[in-house]
Amino acid sequence: MSVSLGMPSTPAPTLAPRRPTRQLMVGSVGVGSEHPISVQSMTTTLTADVNATLQQIAELTAAGCDIVRVACPSQDDADALPAIARKAQIPVIADIHFQPKYVFAAIEAGCAAVRVNPGNIRKFDDQVKEIAQAAKDHGTPIRIGVNAGSLDKRLLQKYGKATPEALAESAMWEASLFAEHDFHDIKISVKHNDPVVMVRAYELLAEQCDYPLHLGVTEAGPEFQGTIKSAVAFGALLSRGIGDTIRVSLSAPPVQEVKVGRQILESLNLKPRRLEIVSCPSCGRAQVDVYKLADQVTAGLTGMEVPLRVAVMGCVVNGPGEAREADLGVASGNGKGQIFVKGEVIKTVPEHAIVETLIEEAMKIAETMEEGAGEPSVTVG
């Protein structure tokens, strides 16, 4: 009997249609409601160290990053931008604070986009015309990035603190200055460390404009806390179609930001799923060490790119059902494991051989999927 493998080829259901936006190109990556939501991160190297920065960009690219941002606080960093923008495998955005001259330098360097923080750039409003013209001449989009920690002082005086209304008003004010000069290749972010404030700020923006929105919970914290805060905030917005690019801000290596970002999008069917491990939380019914089993299978399949759902189950209550629903799975108990491929038991193995068998079968499936055309299958029974 032949059974199909891999995730469904038809479009996966989503919770809501994307909010219609303007479309723009950040280098080779389309941004807006007609394009997939992209995952961003930011390098932690000194941008002036071109080799170190390019190495980190390569690592981020391998992890699935779509667009990368680099800091540009000094002239040495600005001088490094042409080489980085030219050699990076993914589009590079220059992150500019305080000095308007670096905005022009980044545009001239060929960066795919420039992020400006209106609250931090001195005399920003006075130079919008010149920035808009330079960006227009080079086809360079601008991200207006408003942060709670660096909100324009005029709005802090008006609202007393970084409220959702203050964040949204700041972004819309700066966007209007660009619009006065007929520049509309704009993406907006309004980041806050409180997910509730952040979500409301983006809701306000979504009601007031059709610019693409870049989602972020700024200063989200260490990896565990930051992951939870970002997942909650992004989920609240993305599930309603709000958001076109995302960056998970973690006090952790940037590759981890990309992994979390991709997983959030995959969980909402907003990015094609790759390897997915389905495993039970364990309980008193479990007859195997599910934690160890799931960790070993995950480690053994790290790096697998094919869309494969693998179920690692530890008891006879939900185990067989979950294993049948997965592309590949095991239902464990009584010192052995039943190995399932797309709902069919293909073999029963002793407990000590479960991990080895699952990895072996996954590799067979991956090979079939990579070599075959169309939807692959395997014969069982």
Protein backbone atom coordinates (compact mmCIF):
# COMPACT_ATOMS: atom_id res chain seq x y z
CA MET A 1 0.00 0.00 0.00
CA SER A 2 1.34 3.45 -0.94
CA VAL A 3 0.88 6.37 1.46
CA SER A 4 1.69 10.04 0.98
CA LEU A 5 4.30 11.75 3.13
CA GLY A 6 4.94 15.27 4.30
CA MET A 7 2.69 18.18 5.16
CA PRO A 8 -0.43 18.81 3.03
CA SER A 9 0.35 20.41 -0.33
CA THR A 10 -2.79 22.57 -0.23
CA PRO A 11 -2.58 25.95 1.52
CA ALA A 12 -2.85 25.55 5.28
CA PRO A 13 -5.74 27.36 7.00
CA THR A 14 -5.00 30.61 8.83
CA LEU A 15 -7.01 32.42 11.48
CA ALA A 16 -7.56 35.59 9.45
CA PRO A 17 -6.66 37.10 6.08
CA ARG A 18 -3.71 39.48 6.02
CA ARG A 19 -4.43 43.16 6.53
CA PRO A 20 -4.12 44.80 3.08
CA THR A 21 -1.01 46.99 2.87
CA ARG A 22 1.19 48.84 0.47
CA GLN A 23 3.90 46.65 -1.04
CA LEU A 24 7.61 47.35 -1.01
CA MET A 25 10.87 45.56 -1.71
CA VAL A 26 13.61 45.28 0.89
CA GLY A 27 16.35 44.16 -1.45
CA SER A 28 15.16 40.84 -2.87
CA VAL A 29 12.50 40.33 -0.17
CA GLY A 30 8.97 41.52 -0.79
CA VAL A 31 7.27 43.10 2.21
CA GLY A 32 3.54 43.63 2.53
CA SER A 33 0.30 41.70 2.49
CA GLU A 34 1.01 40.12 -0.91
CA HIS A 35 4.26 38.58 0.35
CA PRO A 36 5.09 36.03 3.05
CA ILE A 37 5.78 37.42 6.52
CA SER A 38 9.54 37.67 6.89
CA VAL A 39 11.72 36.95 9.91
CA GLN A 40 14.36 39.49 10.88
CA SER A 41 17.16 39.65 13.38
CA MET A 42 20.03 41.99 14.20
CA THR A 43 23.74 41.33 14.38
CA THR A 44 25.55 41.69 17.69
CA THR A 45 29.00 42.20 16.18
CA LEU A 46 30.74 45.51 15.69
CA THR A 47 29.58 46.47 12.22
CA ALA A 48 33.01 47.93 11.51
CA ASP A 49 34.36 44.37 11.79
CA VAL A 50 33.22 43.33 8.34
CA ASN A 51 34.37 39.70 8.53
CA ALA A 52 32.77 39.05 11.92
CA THR A 53 29.54 40.71 10.82
CA LEU A 54 29.38 38.75 7.57
CA GLN A 55 30.05 35.53 9.48
CA GLN A 56 27.14 36.21 11.81
CA ILE A 57 24.91 37.12 8.89
CA ALA A 58 25.82 33.78 7.29
CA GLU A 59 24.82 31.97 10.50
CA LEU A 60 21.53 33.86 10.61
CA THR A 61 20.89 33.06 6.96
CA ALA A 62 21.44 29.36 7.61
CA ALA A 63 18.95 29.53 10.50
CA GLY A 64 16.26 30.92 8.20
CA CYS A 65 16.60 34.68 8.67
CA ASP A 66 15.09 36.65 5.76
CA ILE A 67 16.38 40.16 6.50
CA VAL A 68 19.14 41.33 8.85
CA ARG A 69 19.74 44.65 10.56
CA VAL A 70 23.16 46.05 11.48
CA ALA A 71 23.91 48.89 13.87
CA CYS A 72 25.60 52.01 12.57
CA PRO A 73 26.58 54.24 15.51
CA SER A 74 29.94 55.44 14.17
CA GLN A 75 31.74 56.52 11.03
CA ASP A 76 33.74 53.28 11.01
CA ASP A 77 30.47 51.36 10.93
CA ALA A 78 29.17 53.52 8.10
CA ASP A 79 32.39 52.90 6.16
CA ALA A 80 31.85 49.13 6.49
CA LEU A 81 28.29 49.18 5.10
CA PRO A 82 29.14 48.96 1.35
CA ALA A 83 31.11 45.73 1.78
CA ILE A 84 28.53 44.19 4.09
CA ALA A 85 25.58 45.12 1.87
CA ARG A 86 27.38 43.76 -1.19
CA LYS A 87 28.54 40.45 0.29
CA ALA A 88 25.67 39.47 2.61
CA GLN A 89 23.43 36.64 1.40
CA ILE A 90 20.26 38.37 2.61
CA PRO A 91 19.11 42.02 2.52
CA VAL A 92 20.85 44.30 5.04
CA ILE A 93 19.08 47.13 6.87
CA ALA A 94 21.16 49.86 8.47
CA ASP A 95 20.01 50.89 11.95
CA ILE A 96 20.52 54.63 12.46
CA HIS A 97 20.26 56.71 15.63
CA PHE A 98 21.38 60.25 16.52
CA GLN A 99 23.27 61.16 13.31
CA PRO A 100 21.30 61.93 10.13
CA LYS A 101 24.52 61.79 8.09
CA TYR A 102 24.61 58.01 8.56
CA VAL A 103 21.18 57.74 6.94
CA PHE A 104 22.62 59.19 3.75
CA ALA A 105 25.74 57.01 4.08
CA ALA A 106 23.64 53.85 4.39
CA ILE A 107 21.55 54.76 1.35
CA GLU A 108 24.69 55.46 -0.69
CA ALA A 109 26.22 52.18 0.56
CA GLY A 110 23.47 50.19 -1.10
CA CYS A 111 21.72 48.95 2.03
CA ALA A 112 18.39 47.30 1.27
CA ALA A 113 16.61 49.64 3.70
CA VAL A 114 17.33 52.10 6.48
CA ARG A 115 15.75 52.13 9.93
CA VAL A 116 15.45 55.56 11.54
CA ASN A 117 14.32 56.33 15.08
CA PRO A 118 12.64 59.76 15.01
CA GLY A 119 12.99 60.19 18.77
CA ASN A 120 16.74 59.75 18.58
CA ILE A 121 17.77 61.54 15.40
CA ARG A 122 18.53 65.19 16.00
CA LYS A 123 16.83 67.60 13.60
CA PHE A 124 15.14 64.65 11.89
CA ASP A 125 12.06 66.63 10.84
CA ASP A 126 14.25 69.28 9.19
CA GLN A 127 15.96 66.71 6.96
CA VAL A 128 13.04 64.53 5.89
CA LYS A 129 12.93 66.16 2.44
CA GLU A 130 16.59 65.36 1.75
CA ILE A 131 16.31 61.84 3.19
CA ALA A 132 13.17 61.16 1.14
CA GLN A 133 14.84 62.33 -2.06
CA ALA A 134 17.98 60.25 -1.47
CA ALA A 135 15.91 57.17 -0.65
CA LYS A 136 13.71 57.71 -3.69
CA ASP A 137 16.73 58.12 -5.97
CA HIS A 138 18.21 54.81 -4.76
CA GLY A 139 14.95 52.89 -4.35
CA THR A 140 15.64 52.45 -0.63
CA PRO A 141 12.70 51.87 1.75
CA ILE A 142 12.65 53.55 5.15
CA ARG A 143 11.51 51.93 8.38
CA ILE A 144 10.21 54.38 10.90
CA GLY A 145 11.07 52.62 14.14
CA VAL A 146 9.47 54.14 17.21
CA ASN A 147 10.61 52.77 20.58
CA ALA A 148 9.05 53.36 23.98
CA GLY A 149 12.48 54.05 25.46
CA SER A 150 13.34 56.75 22.95
CA LEU A 151 10.02 58.43 22.24
CA ASP A 152 10.03 61.97 20.88
CA LYS A 153 10.11 64.38 23.84
CA ARG A 154 7.17 66.35 22.46
CA LEU A 155 4.95 63.29 22.71
CA LEU A 156 6.27 62.34 26.13
CA GLN A 157 5.19 65.77 27.33
CA LYS A 158 1.81 65.39 25.70
CA TYR A 159 0.97 61.89 26.98
CA GLY A 160 3.16 61.66 30.09
CA LYS A 161 4.61 58.30 29.07
CA ALA A 162 4.91 55.91 26.14
CA THR A 163 1.23 55.04 25.75
CA PRO A 164 -0.10 53.17 22.70
CA GLU A 165 -1.54 56.46 21.47
CA ALA A 166 1.81 58.20 21.84
CA LEU A 167 3.67 55.48 19.95
CA ALA A 168 1.16 55.42 17.11
CA GLU A 169 1.01 59.22 16.87
CA SER A 170 4.80 59.45 16.66
CA ALA A 171 4.94 56.96 13.82
CA MET A 172 2.06 58.53 11.89
CA TRP A 173 3.54 62.01 12.28
CA GLU A 174 6.88 60.99 10.84
CA ALA A 175 5.21 59.01 8.03
CA SER A 176 3.18 62.09 7.13
CA LEU A 177 6.36 64.13 6.78
CA PHE A 178 7.65 61.63 4.21
CA ALA A 179 4.27 61.55 2.48
CA GLU A 180 4.45 65.36 2.05
CA HIS A 181 7.44 64.70 -0.20
CA ASP A 182 5.65 61.92 -2.07
CA PHE A 183 7.69 59.17 -0.43
CA HIS A 184 5.66 56.12 0.57
CA ASP A 185 8.11 53.19 0.65
CA ILE A 186 7.72 53.06 4.40
CA LYS A 187 7.48 50.30 6.97
CA ILE A 188 6.54 51.15 10.55
CA SER A 189 7.28 49.64 13.96
CA VAL A 190 6.10 50.81 17.38
CA LYS A 191 7.88 48.69 19.95
CA HIS A 192 7.28 48.47 23.68
CA ASN A 193 8.46 46.03 26.34
CA ASP A 194 4.88 45.46 27.54
CA PRO A 195 3.01 43.15 25.12
CA VAL A 196 -0.36 44.71 26.02
CA VAL A 197 0.83 48.25 25.21
CA MET A 198 2.60 47.00 22.10
CA VAL A 199 -0.46 45.15 20.76
CA ARG A 200 -2.71 48.16 21.26
CA ALA A 201 -0.22 50.47 19.53
CA TYR A 202 -0.17 48.23 16.46
CA GLU A 203 -3.96 47.98 16.49
CA LEU A 204 -4.13 51.77 16.35
CA LEU A 205 -1.62 51.88 13.50
CA ALA A 206 -3.49 49.20 11.56
CA GLU A 207 -6.62 51.35 11.77
CA GLN A 208 -4.87 54.53 10.65
CA CYS A 209 -2.65 53.51 7.74
CA ASP A 210 -1.92 50.91 5.09
CA TYR A 211 1.85 50.84 5.56
CA PRO A 212 3.45 47.43 6.19
CA LEU A 213 4.09 46.86 9.90
CA HIS A 214 7.19 45.36 11.51
CA LEU A 215 6.30 43.65 14.79
CA GLY A 216 8.53 43.61 17.83
CA VAL A 217 8.41 43.52 21.61
CA THR A 218 11.48 45.57 22.47
CA GLU A 219 13.73 44.58 25.36
CA ALA A 220 11.64 41.42 25.73
CA GLY A 221 14.19 39.91 28.10
CA PRO A 222 16.09 36.63 28.51
CA GLU A 223 15.32 33.79 26.13
CA PHE A 224 12.47 32.12 28.03
CA GLN A 225 10.68 35.29 29.10
CA GLY A 226 11.28 37.02 25.78
CA THR A 227 9.99 34.06 23.82
CA ILE A 228 6.75 34.00 25.82
CA LYS A 229 6.19 37.76 25.57
CA SER A 230 6.91 37.81 21.83
CA ALA A 231 4.76 34.75 21.10
CA VAL A 232 1.82 36.22 23.01
CA ALA A 233 2.07 39.64 21.37
CA PHE A 234 2.76 38.38 17.87
CA GLY A 235 0.06 35.75 18.14
CA ALA A 236 -2.52 38.36 19.16
CA LEU A 237 -1.69 40.47 16.10
CA LEU A 238 -0.80 37.89 13.46
CA SER A 239 -3.91 35.85 14.21
CA ARG A 240 -5.88 38.91 13.08
CA GLY A 241 -3.79 39.50 9.97
CA ILE A 242 -1.71 42.37 11.40
CA GLY A 243 2.03 42.22 10.76
CA ASP A 244 4.31 41.89 7.74
CA THR A 245 7.77 41.36 9.24
CA ILE A 246 8.78 40.27 12.74
CA ARG A 247 11.82 40.42 14.99
CA VAL A 248 11.96 38.51 18.27
CA SER A 249 14.20 40.56 20.59
CA LEU A 250 15.98 38.26 23.03
CA SER A 251 18.91 38.58 25.40
CA ALA A 252 20.32 35.56 23.59
CA PRO A 253 22.33 34.79 20.44
CA PRO A 254 20.51 36.21 17.40
CA VAL A 255 20.17 32.76 15.81
CA GLN A 256 17.78 31.94 18.67
CA GLU A 257 15.68 34.96 17.70
CA VAL A 258 15.31 33.55 14.21
CA LYS A 259 14.39 30.08 15.45
CA VAL A 260 11.69 31.47 17.74
CA GLY A 261 10.38 33.79 15.04
CA ARG A 262 10.12 31.01 12.49
CA GLN A 263 8.40 28.74 14.99
CA ILE A 264 5.80 31.42 15.79
CA LEU A 265 5.00 31.83 12.10
CA GLU A 266 4.94 28.08 11.46
CA SER A 267 2.62 27.55 14.42
CA LEU A 268 0.11 29.96 12.85
CA ASN A 269 0.53 28.44 9.36
CA LEU A 270 2.05 31.72 8.18
CA LYS A 271 5.27 30.06 7.04
CA PRO A 272 5.62 26.56 5.57
CA ARG A 273 6.38 24.09 8.33
CA ARG A 274 9.60 22.14 8.28
CA LEU A 275 10.38 19.49 10.85
CA GLU A 276 7.83 19.41 13.67
CA ILE A 277 8.12 17.20 16.72
CA VAL A 278 4.81 16.31 18.38
CA SER A 279 5.45 14.88 21.86
CA CYS A 280 3.34 14.38 24.95
CA PRO A 281 4.04 16.23 28.24
CA SER A 282 4.27 12.87 30.03
CA CYS A 283 2.16 11.77 32.99
CA GLY A 284 1.72 8.84 35.34
CA ARG A 285 0.56 6.69 32.41
CA ALA A 286 3.85 7.00 30.54
CA GLN A 287 5.87 3.81 30.38
CA VAL A 288 8.96 5.40 28.82
CA ASP A 289 11.03 8.52 29.54
CA VAL A 290 9.24 10.79 27.08
CA TYR A 291 11.44 13.81 27.82
CA LYS A 292 14.61 11.90 26.99
CA LEU A 293 13.04 10.23 23.97
CA ALA A 294 11.79 13.51 22.49
CA ASP A 295 15.13 15.25 23.11
CA GLN A 296 17.08 12.44 21.46
CA VAL A 297 14.82 12.36 18.41
CA THR A 298 14.97 16.16 18.11
CA ALA A 299 18.76 16.13 18.33
CA GLY A 300 19.00 13.34 15.79
CA LEU A 301 16.85 15.20 13.26
CA THR A 302 18.29 18.69 13.78
CA GLY A 303 18.87 20.37 10.46
CA MET A 304 16.27 18.37 8.54
CA GLU A 305 14.62 20.73 6.07
CA VAL A 306 11.79 18.59 4.70
CA PRO A 307 8.25 19.26 5.99
CA LEU A 308 7.85 16.30 8.32
CA ARG A 309 5.69 15.85 11.43
CA VAL A 310 7.11 13.30 13.87
CA ALA A 311 5.09 12.14 16.90
CA VAL A 312 6.92 10.83 19.96
CA MET A 313 4.31 9.44 22.34
CA GLY A 314 4.67 7.65 25.66
CA CYS A 315 1.44 5.81 26.46
CA VAL A 316 -1.46 3.90 24.96
CA VAL A 317 -4.13 6.57 25.63
CA ASN A 318 -3.25 9.27 23.07
CA GLY A 319 -0.14 7.65 21.65
CA PRO A 320 -1.55 5.53 18.82
CA GLY A 321 -3.92 8.27 17.66
CA GLU A 322 -1.25 10.98 17.58
CA ALA A 323 1.25 8.64 15.93
CA ARG A 324 -1.27 7.79 13.21
CA GLU A 325 -1.95 11.47 12.50
CA ALA A 326 1.76 12.26 12.04
CA ASP A 327 3.90 11.49 9.01
CA LEU A 328 6.11 9.38 11.25
CA GLY A 329 5.51 8.42 14.84
CA VAL A 330 5.96 6.03 17.72
CA ALA A 331 3.53 4.87 20.37
CA SER A 332 5.57 3.50 23.26
CA GLY A 333 4.72 1.10 26.07
CA ASN A 334 5.54 -2.25 27.65
CA GLY A 335 9.19 -1.96 26.68
CA LYS A 336 8.58 -1.52 22.96
CA GLY A 337 7.44 0.99 20.39
CA GLN A 338 5.09 0.75 17.44
CA ILE A 339 6.48 2.72 14.52
CA PHE A 340 3.87 4.42 12.33
CA VAL A 341 4.30 5.88 8.84
CA LYS A 342 1.29 7.96 7.78
CA GLY A 343 -1.12 6.04 9.95
CA GLU A 344 0.17 2.54 9.27
CA VAL A 345 2.24 0.43 11.66
CA ILE A 346 5.36 -0.59 9.75
CA LYS A 347 7.20 -2.35 12.59
CA THR A 348 7.47 -2.86 16.33
CA VAL A 349 10.88 -2.39 17.94
CA PRO A 350 12.29 -2.76 21.46
CA GLU A 351 12.45 0.42 23.52
CA HIS A 352 16.22 0.81 23.16
CA ALA A 353 15.85 0.89 19.36
CA ILE A 354 13.08 3.51 19.12
CA VAL A 355 15.27 6.57 18.60
CA GLU A 356 17.55 4.87 16.08
CA THR A 357 14.56 3.51 14.16
CA LEU A 358 12.73 6.85 14.03
CA ILE A 359 15.81 8.66 12.77
CA GLU A 360 16.46 5.95 10.20
CA GLU A 361 12.87 6.07 8.92
CA ALA A 362 12.90 9.89 8.88
CA MET A 363 16.04 9.86 6.76
CA LYS A 364 14.42 7.43 4.33
CA ILE A 365 11.38 9.68 4.04
CA ALA A 366 13.54 12.78 3.58
CA GLU A 367 15.51 11.07 0.82
CA THR A 368 12.31 10.04 -0.92
CA MET A 369 10.92 13.57 -0.68
CA GLU A 370 14.10 15.20 -1.98
CA GLU A 371 14.50 12.80 -4.89
CA GLY A 372 10.88 12.46 -5.98
CA ALA A 373 8.80 14.91 -7.94
CA GLY A 374 5.42 15.97 -6.65
CA GLU A 375 4.08 14.53 -3.42
CA PRO A 376 6.24 11.61 -2.35
CA SER A 377 5.04 8.30 -1.01
CA VAL A 378 6.36 5.15 0.57
CA THR A 379 5.13 1.57 0.48
CA VAL A 380 4.32 -0.06 3.81
CA GLY A 381 2.96 -3.41 4.91
